[in-house]
């Protein structure tokens, strides 16, 4: 398998995942208070949004690379 075709397949997968999930969510844990054995933690969920345009561009670029790799 050529490297262009492999990169194209990876871009297609990344594009589809970006379109399906539309963001990366992660949780941070912060220590708010600690006094001896007593402590209070705060969990915050944060999301990094991924615009659908990024997923679409990755998908189109991946398809173009696969098609160009198949023609040679």
PDB file of N, CA and C in Angstrom:
ATOM      1  N   UNK A   1       0.845  -1.167   0.000  1.00  0.00           N
ATOM      2  CA  UNK A   1       0.000   0.000   0.000  1.00  0.00           C
ATOM      3  C   UNK A   1       0.898   1.241   0.000  1.00  0.00           C
ATOM      4  N   UNK A   2       0.586   2.176  -0.838  1.00  0.00           N
ATOM      5  CA  UNK A   2       1.377   3.399  -0.937  1.00  0.00           C
ATOM      6  C   UNK A   2       1.106   4.320   0.242  1.00  0.00           C
ATOM      7  N   UNK A   3       2.074   5.168   0.526  1.00  0.00           N
ATOM      8  CA  UNK A   3       1.933   6.060   1.683  1.00  0.00           C
ATOM      9  C   UNK A   3       0.813   7.078   1.472  1.00  0.00           C
ATOM     10  N   UNK A   4       0.611   7.554   0.237  1.00  0.00           N
ATOM     11  CA  UNK A   4      -0.470   8.498  -0.034  1.00  0.00           C
ATOM     12  C   UNK A   4      -1.828   7.894   0.227  1.00  0.00           C
ATOM     13  N   UNK A   5      -2.000   6.644  -0.158  1.00  0.00           N
ATOM     14  CA  UNK A   5      -3.267   5.952   0.076  1.00  0.00           C
ATOM     15  C   UNK A   5      -3.494   5.732   1.566  1.00  0.00           C
ATOM     16  N   UNK A   6      -2.442   5.369   2.283  1.00  0.00           N
ATOM     17  CA  UNK A   6      -2.554   5.155   3.726  1.00  0.00           C
ATOM     18  C   UNK A   6      -2.912   6.459   4.445  1.00  0.00           C
ATOM     19  N   UNK A   7      -2.268   7.554   4.059  1.00  0.00           N
ATOM     20  CA  UNK A   7      -2.584   8.860   4.657  1.00  0.00           C
ATOM     21  C   UNK A   7      -4.017   9.257   4.315  1.00  0.00           C
ATOM     22  N   UNK A   8      -4.445   8.945   3.092  1.00  0.00           N
ATOM     23  CA  UNK A   8      -5.820   9.236   2.695  1.00  0.00           C
ATOM     24  C   UNK A   8      -6.831   8.484   3.530  1.00  0.00           C
ATOM     25  N   UNK A   9      -6.568   7.215   3.799  1.00  0.00           N
ATOM     26  CA  UNK A   9      -7.473   6.420   4.635  1.00  0.00           C
ATOM     27  C   UNK A   9      -7.519   6.976   6.057  1.00  0.00           C
ATOM     28  N   UNK A  10      -6.361   7.362   6.589  1.00  0.00           N
ATOM     29  CA  UNK A  10      -6.331   7.954   7.934  1.00  0.00           C
ATOM     30  C   UNK A  10      -7.102   9.273   7.980  1.00  0.00           C
ATOM     31  N   UNK A  11      -6.987  10.077   6.916  1.00  0.00           N
ATOM     32  CA  UNK A  11      -7.733  11.336   6.871  1.00  0.00           C
ATOM     33  C   UNK A  11      -9.241  11.090   6.776  1.00  0.00           C
ATOM     34  N   UNK A  12      -9.633  10.068   6.037  1.00  0.00           N
ATOM     35  CA  UNK A  12     -11.060   9.730   5.950  1.00  0.00           C
ATOM     36  C   UNK A  12     -11.600   9.332   7.319  1.00  0.00           C
ATOM     37  N   UNK A  13     -10.863   8.493   8.019  1.00  0.00           N
ATOM     38  CA  UNK A  13     -11.294   8.060   9.358  1.00  0.00           C
ATOM     39  C   UNK A  13     -11.355   9.256  10.312  1.00  0.00           C
ATOM     40  N   UNK A  14     -10.326  10.106  10.276  1.00  0.00           N
ATOM     41  CA  UNK A  14     -10.313  11.285  11.150  1.00  0.00           C
ATOM     42  C   UNK A  14     -11.455  12.241  10.806  1.00  0.00           C
ATOM     43  N   UNK A  15     -11.741  12.408   9.535  1.00  0.00           N
ATOM     44  CA  UNK A  15     -12.831  13.284   9.116  1.00  0.00           C
ATOM     45  C   UNK A  15     -14.182  12.779   9.572  1.00  0.00           C
ATOM     46  N   UNK A  16     -14.409  11.469   9.439  1.00  0.00           N
ATOM     47  CA  UNK A  16     -15.681  10.889   9.881  1.00  0.00           C
ATOM     48  C   UNK A  16     -15.825  11.019  11.395  1.00  0.00           C
ATOM     49  N   UNK A  17     -14.754  10.754  12.126  1.00  0.00           N
ATOM     50  CA  UNK A  17     -14.812  10.894  13.591  1.00  0.00           C
ATOM     51  C   UNK A  17     -15.073  12.343  14.009  1.00  0.00           C
ATOM     52  N   UNK A  18     -14.448  13.299  13.305  1.00  0.00           N
ATOM     53  CA  UNK A  18     -14.669  14.711  13.624  1.00  0.00           C
ATOM     54  C   UNK A  18     -16.112  15.113  13.342  1.00  0.00           C
ATOM     55  N   UNK A  19     -16.698  14.568  12.290  1.00  0.00           N
ATOM     56  CA  UNK A  19     -18.092  14.893  11.984  1.00  0.00           C
ATOM     57  C   UNK A  19     -19.059  14.237  12.966  1.00  0.00           C
ATOM     58  N   UNK A  20     -18.736  13.049  13.433  1.00  0.00           N
ATOM     59  CA  UNK A  20     -19.633  12.343  14.348  1.00  0.00           C
ATOM     60  C   UNK A  20     -19.575  12.944  15.748  1.00  0.00           C
ATOM     61  N   UNK A  21     -18.379  13.140  16.282  1.00  0.00           N
ATOM     62  CA  UNK A  21     -18.251  13.582  17.673  1.00  0.00           C
ATOM     63  C   UNK A  21     -18.309  15.095  17.849  1.00  0.00           C
ATOM     64  N   UNK A  22     -17.912  15.879  16.869  1.00  0.00           N
ATOM     65  CA  UNK A  22     -17.958  17.340  16.870  1.00  0.00           C
ATOM     66  C   UNK A  22     -17.301  17.981  18.078  1.00  0.00           C
ATOM     67  N   UNK A  23     -16.346  17.323  18.682  1.00  0.00           N
ATOM     68  CA  UNK A  23     -15.618  17.923  19.790  1.00  0.00           C
ATOM     69  C   UNK A  23     -14.916  16.884  20.636  1.00  0.00           C
ATOM     70  N   UNK A  24     -13.952  17.342  21.402  1.00  0.00           N
ATOM     71  CA  UNK A  24     -13.200  16.478  22.306  1.00  0.00           C
ATOM     72  C   UNK A  24     -13.545  16.910  23.728  1.00  0.00           C
ATOM     73  N   UNK A  25     -14.088  16.001  24.517  1.00  0.00           N
ATOM     74  CA  UNK A  25     -14.472  16.300  25.891  1.00  0.00           C
ATOM     75  C   UNK A  25     -13.489  15.647  26.853  1.00  0.00           C
ATOM     76  N   UNK A  26     -13.081  16.412  27.853  1.00  0.00           N
ATOM     77  CA  UNK A  26     -12.194  15.875  28.876  1.00  0.00           C
ATOM     78  C   UNK A  26     -12.580  16.455  30.236  1.00  0.00           C
ATOM     79  N   UNK A  27     -12.143  15.796  31.294  1.00  0.00           N
ATOM     80  CA  UNK A  27     -12.478  16.193  32.657  1.00  0.00           C
ATOM     81  C   UNK A  27     -11.212  16.575  33.404  1.00  0.00           C
ATOM     82  N   UNK A  28     -11.270  17.711  34.090  1.00  0.00           N
ATOM     83  CA  UNK A  28     -10.157  18.128  34.942  1.00  0.00           C
ATOM     84  C   UNK A  28     -10.602  18.040  36.398  1.00  0.00           C
ATOM     85  N   UNK A  29      -9.691  17.689  37.247  1.00  0.00           N
ATOM     86  CA  UNK A  29      -9.973  17.576  38.676  1.00  0.00           C
ATOM     87  C   UNK A  29      -9.095  18.591  39.408  1.00  0.00           C
ATOM     88  N   UNK A  30      -9.730  19.419  40.217  1.00  0.00           N
ATOM     89  CA  UNK A  30      -9.025  20.487  40.920  1.00  0.00           C
ATOM     90  C   UNK A  30      -9.259  20.345  42.427  1.00  0.00           C
ATOM     91  N   UNK A  31      -8.189  20.442  43.201  1.00  0.00           N
ATOM     92  CA  UNK A  31      -8.293  20.369  44.656  1.00  0.00           C
ATOM     93  C   UNK A  31      -8.702  21.744  45.171  1.00  0.00           C
ATOM     94  N   UNK A  32      -9.900  21.842  45.751  1.00  0.00           N
ATOM     95  CA  UNK A  32     -10.429  23.112  46.219  1.00  0.00           C
ATOM     96  C   UNK A  32     -10.046  23.374  47.670  1.00  0.00           C
ATOM     97  N   UNK A  33     -10.109  22.331  48.501  1.00  0.00           N
ATOM     98  CA  UNK A  33      -9.894  22.514  49.936  1.00  0.00           C
ATOM     99  C   UNK A  33      -9.280  21.251  50.504  1.00  0.00           C
ATOM    100  N   UNK A  34      -8.291  21.431  51.377  1.00  0.00           N
ATOM    101  CA  UNK A  34      -7.689  20.282  52.044  1.00  0.00           C
ATOM    102  C   UNK A  34      -7.295  20.695  53.459  1.00  0.00           C
ATOM    103  N   UNK A  35      -7.819  19.961  54.432  1.00  0.00           N
ATOM    104  CA  UNK A  35      -7.499  20.204  55.826  1.00  0.00           C
ATOM    105  C   UNK A  35      -7.335  18.843  56.482  1.00  0.00           C
ATOM    106  N   UNK A  36      -6.101  18.415  56.633  1.00  0.00           N
ATOM    107  CA  UNK A  36      -5.832  17.096  57.193  1.00  0.00           C
ATOM    108  C   UNK A  36      -6.371  16.014  56.279  1.00  0.00           C
ATOM    109  N   UNK A  37      -7.166  15.085  56.842  1.00  0.00           N
ATOM    110  CA  UNK A  37      -7.708  14.007  56.011  1.00  0.00           C
ATOM    111  C   UNK A  37      -8.949  14.433  55.198  1.00  0.00           C
ATOM    112  N   UNK A  38      -9.436  15.660  55.444  1.00  0.00           N
ATOM    113  CA  UNK A  38     -10.636  16.133  54.753  1.00  0.00           C
ATOM    114  C   UNK A  38     -10.208  16.951  53.538  1.00  0.00           C
ATOM    115  N   UNK A  39     -10.770  16.598  52.407  1.00  0.00           N
ATOM    116  CA  UNK A  39     -10.463  17.365  51.204  1.00  0.00           C
ATOM    117  C   UNK A  39     -11.691  17.447  50.312  1.00  0.00           C
ATOM    118  N   UNK A  40     -11.749  18.500  49.522  1.00  0.00           N
ATOM    119  CA  UNK A  40     -12.845  18.705  48.573  1.00  0.00           C
ATOM    120  C   UNK A  40     -12.233  18.913  47.188  1.00  0.00           C
ATOM    121  N   UNK A  41     -12.750  18.164  46.236  1.00  0.00           N
ATOM    122  CA  UNK A  41     -12.281  18.268  44.857  1.00  0.00           C
ATOM    123  C   UNK A  41     -13.414  18.739  43.967  1.00  0.00           C
ATOM    124  N   UNK A  42     -13.039  19.407  42.902  1.00  0.00           N
ATOM    125  CA  UNK A  42     -14.010  19.897  41.937  1.00  0.00           C
ATOM    126  C   UNK A  42     -13.673  19.299  40.575  1.00  0.00           C
ATOM    127  N   UNK A  43     -14.643  18.649  39.952  1.00  0.00           N
ATOM    128  CA  UNK A  43     -14.464  18.095  38.611  1.00  0.00           C
ATOM    129  C   UNK A  43     -15.169  19.001  37.609  1.00  0.00           C
ATOM    130  N   UNK A  44     -14.455  19.344  36.557  1.00  0.00           N
ATOM    131  CA  UNK A  44     -15.005  20.205  35.528  1.00  0.00           C
ATOM    132  C   UNK A  44     -14.862  19.517  34.181  1.00  0.00           C
ATOM    133  N   UNK A  45     -15.965  19.427  33.448  1.00  0.00           N
ATOM    134  CA  UNK A  45     -15.926  18.874  32.093  1.00  0.00           C
ATOM    135  C   UNK A  45     -15.728  20.012  31.114  1.00  0.00           C
ATOM    136  N   UNK A  46     -14.747  19.863  30.270  1.00  0.00           N
ATOM    137  CA  UNK A  46     -14.467  20.877  29.268  1.00  0.00           C
ATOM    138  C   UNK A  46     -14.532  20.235  27.885  1.00  0.00           C
ATOM    139  N   UNK A  47     -14.932  21.026  26.904  1.00  0.00           N
ATOM    140  CA  UNK A  47     -15.062  20.520  25.539  1.00  0.00           C
ATOM    141  C   UNK A  47     -14.291  21.435  24.593  1.00  0.00           C
ATOM    142  N   UNK A  48     -13.490  20.819  23.740  1.00  0.00           N
ATOM    143  CA  UNK A  48     -12.828  21.541  22.661  1.00  0.00           C
ATOM    144  C   UNK A  48     -13.675  21.291  21.416  1.00  0.00           C
ATOM    145  N   UNK A  49     -14.375  22.318  20.930  1.00  0.00           N
ATOM    146  CA  UNK A  49     -15.256  22.091  19.789  1.00  0.00           C
ATOM    147  C   UNK A  49     -14.472  21.913  18.488  1.00  0.00           C
ATOM    148  N   UNK A  50     -14.938  21.006  17.643  1.00  0.00           N
ATOM    149  CA  UNK A  50     -14.378  20.816  16.307  1.00  0.00           C
ATOM    150  C   UNK A  50     -15.449  21.208  15.296  1.00  0.00           C
ATOM    151  N   UNK A  51     -15.213  22.269  14.537  1.00  0.00           N
ATOM    152  CA  UNK A  51     -16.212  22.668  13.545  1.00  0.00           C
ATOM    153  C   UNK A  51     -16.391  21.579  12.486  1.00  0.00           C
ATOM    154  N   UNK A  52     -17.593  21.418  11.985  1.00  0.00           N
ATOM    155  CA  UNK A  52     -17.830  20.410  10.952  1.00  0.00           C
ATOM    156  C   UNK A  52     -17.007  20.648   9.688  1.00  0.00           C
ATOM    157  N   UNK A  53     -16.593  21.878   9.465  1.00  0.00           N
ATOM    158  CA  UNK A  53     -15.786  22.192   8.279  1.00  0.00           C
ATOM    159  C   UNK A  53     -14.464  21.427   8.318  1.00  0.00           C
ATOM    160  N   UNK A  54     -13.864  21.309   9.493  1.00  0.00           N
ATOM    161  CA  UNK A  54     -12.597  20.582   9.620  1.00  0.00           C
ATOM    162  C   UNK A  54     -12.787  19.114   9.256  1.00  0.00           C
ATOM    163  N   UNK A  55     -13.859  18.507   9.733  1.00  0.00           N
ATOM    164  CA  UNK A  55     -14.142  17.123   9.392  1.00  0.00           C
ATOM    165  C   UNK A  55     -14.406  16.949   7.909  1.00  0.00           C
ATOM    166  N   UNK A  56     -15.132  17.881   7.320  1.00  0.00           N
ATOM    167  CA  UNK A  56     -15.427  17.813   5.894  1.00  0.00           C
ATOM    168  C   UNK A  56     -14.182  17.959   5.038  1.00  0.00           C
ATOM    169  N   UNK A  57     -13.307  18.880   5.411  1.00  0.00           N
ATOM    170  CA  UNK A  57     -12.068  19.083   4.663  1.00  0.00           C
ATOM    171  C   UNK A  57     -11.178  17.849   4.761  1.00  0.00           C
ATOM    172  N   UNK A  58     -11.071  17.274   5.939  1.00  0.00           N
ATOM    173  CA  UNK A  58     -10.260  16.061   6.105  1.00  0.00           C
ATOM    174  C   UNK A  58     -10.838  14.915   5.295  1.00  0.00           C
ATOM    175  N   UNK A  59     -12.153  14.791   5.271  1.00  0.00           N
ATOM    176  CA  UNK A  59     -12.807  13.736   4.512  1.00  0.00           C
ATOM    177  C   UNK A  59     -12.569  13.889   3.012  1.00  0.00           C
ATOM    178  N   UNK A  60     -12.730  15.095   2.491  1.00  0.00           N
ATOM    179  CA  UNK A  60     -12.523  15.349   1.058  1.00  0.00           C
ATOM    180  C   UNK A  60     -11.059  15.143   0.680  1.00  0.00           C
ATOM    181  N   UNK A  61     -10.151  15.636   1.524  1.00  0.00           N
ATOM    182  CA  UNK A  61      -8.721  15.449   1.236  1.00  0.00           C
ATOM    183  C   UNK A  61      -8.338  13.964   1.249  1.00  0.00           C
ATOM    184  N   UNK A  62      -8.897  13.216   2.183  1.00  0.00           N
ATOM    185  CA  UNK A  62      -8.622  11.792   2.244  1.00  0.00           C
ATOM    186  C   UNK A  62      -9.123  11.049   1.019  1.00  0.00           C
ATOM    187  N   UNK A  63     -10.337  11.400   0.579  1.00  0.00           N
ATOM    188  CA  UNK A  63     -10.885  10.764  -0.621  1.00  0.00           C
ATOM    189  C   UNK A  63     -10.032  11.108  -1.844  1.00  0.00           C
ATOM    190  N   UNK A  64      -9.599  12.362  -1.923  1.00  0.00           N
ATOM    191  CA  UNK A  64      -8.752  12.770  -3.053  1.00  0.00           C
ATOM    192  C   UNK A  64      -7.438  12.006  -3.068  1.00  0.00           C
ATOM    193  N   UNK A  65      -6.838  11.799  -1.907  1.00  0.00           N
ATOM    194  CA  UNK A  65      -5.580  11.053  -1.855  1.00  0.00           C
ATOM    195  C   UNK A  65      -5.774   9.591  -2.220  1.00  0.00           C
ATOM    196  N   UNK A  66      -6.871   8.993  -1.776  1.00  0.00           N
ATOM    197  CA  UNK A  66      -7.127   7.586  -2.118  1.00  0.00           C
ATOM    198  C   UNK A  66      -7.368   7.443  -3.614  1.00  0.00           C
ATOM    199  N   UNK A  67      -8.149   8.354  -4.197  1.00  0.00           N
ATOM    200  CA  UNK A  67      -8.423   8.299  -5.633  1.00  0.00           C
ATOM    201  C   UNK A  67      -7.149   8.539  -6.433  1.00  0.00           C
ATOM    202  N   UNK A  68      -6.343   9.519  -6.017  1.00  0.00           N
ATOM    203  CA  UNK A  68      -5.093   9.798  -6.732  1.00  0.00           C
ATOM    204  C   UNK A  68      -4.119   8.633  -6.595  1.00  0.00           C
ATOM    205  N   UNK A  69      -4.107   7.964  -5.475  1.00  0.00           N
ATOM    206  CA  UNK A  69      -3.229   6.811  -5.287  1.00  0.00           C
ATOM    207  C   UNK A  69      -3.661   5.613  -6.096  1.00  0.00           C
ATOM    208  N   UNK A  70      -4.959   5.489  -6.333  1.00  0.00           N
ATOM    209  CA  UNK A  70      -5.481   4.360  -7.091  1.00  0.00           C
ATOM    210  C   UNK A  70      -5.290   4.513  -8.606  1.00  0.00           C
ATOM    211  N   UNK A  71      -5.134   5.729  -9.087  1.00  0.00           N
ATOM    212  CA  UNK A  71      -4.986   5.962 -10.520  1.00  0.00           C
ATOM    213  C   UNK A  71      -3.601   5.626 -11.034  1.00  0.00           C
ATOM    214  N   UNK A  72      -2.617   5.673 -10.180  1.00  0.00           N
ATOM    215  CA  UNK A  72      -1.237   5.457 -10.648  1.00  0.00           C
ATOM    216  C   UNK A  72      -0.938   4.001 -10.873  1.00  0.00           C
TER     217      UNK A  72
END
